[in-house]
Amino acid sequence: MLRRRRQIGALLAVSSARFASELAVSDLTDEAAFAALYAEHFSFVWRCLRGLGVAPLALEDAAQDVFVVVHRRLFTFQAESSLRTWLFGIVRRIAYRYRRTARRKGPIAELEREPEAPDPGPLERAQEVEAAEFVDRFAGHLDDRKREVFVLGILEGLSVPEVAEALGVPLNTAYTRLRRARLEFRKALAERMEKA
């Protein structure tokens, strides 16, 4: 128990200085440390899953699966890489599994749709949805290697060395894939603007 608490403390120190100071001040349980990690990284996991092609109706289940694996494997994290790259490795495997299942079983049927809160106006909302759909369609047409680089490097804003580390590829390979993904994105965007 003490060993696990120390590992979680080391993990959170790497992830965020704020959590490390909280661990130093109070005697948190493993569950509280995991809850802090979950709160800190849930949006990153969600965006990566979505960007890697997990169907919108399967996102909640996929995110839950990621954090089940994180909870089960947290003690194996050695802090040799950043926490985000370790998390992305898990996200990548879960996203692949969900995409493979969707290809074999077909798309998930939508049961019920909840109305969304009307924060932005109709025009702004329509533009946001259209832009998000364009990016999703574009990412969906990329091969898996370029899609992973596109999601991490462009959508998530990770540096190229972090992308290379997360994907386990040489730095030059990550730069090349990112450059090609950017060129394809610019080309697709220019074609879209010509049609408008």
Foldseek 3Di string as FASTA:
>chain_A
DVLLLVLLLVQVVLVDVVLNVVVVVDVDDPVVSLVVVCVVCLVVLLLLLLLLPQDPVCSVVLSVVLSVVCSVCVSVDPVPAHPSLVSLLSSLVSSVVRVVVCVVPPDDDDDDDDDDDCPDDPVVVVVVVVVVVLSSVLLVPDPNVLSLLCSVCPVVPDDLVSSCSSVVHDSVVSVVSPVVSVVSVVVSVVVVVVVD
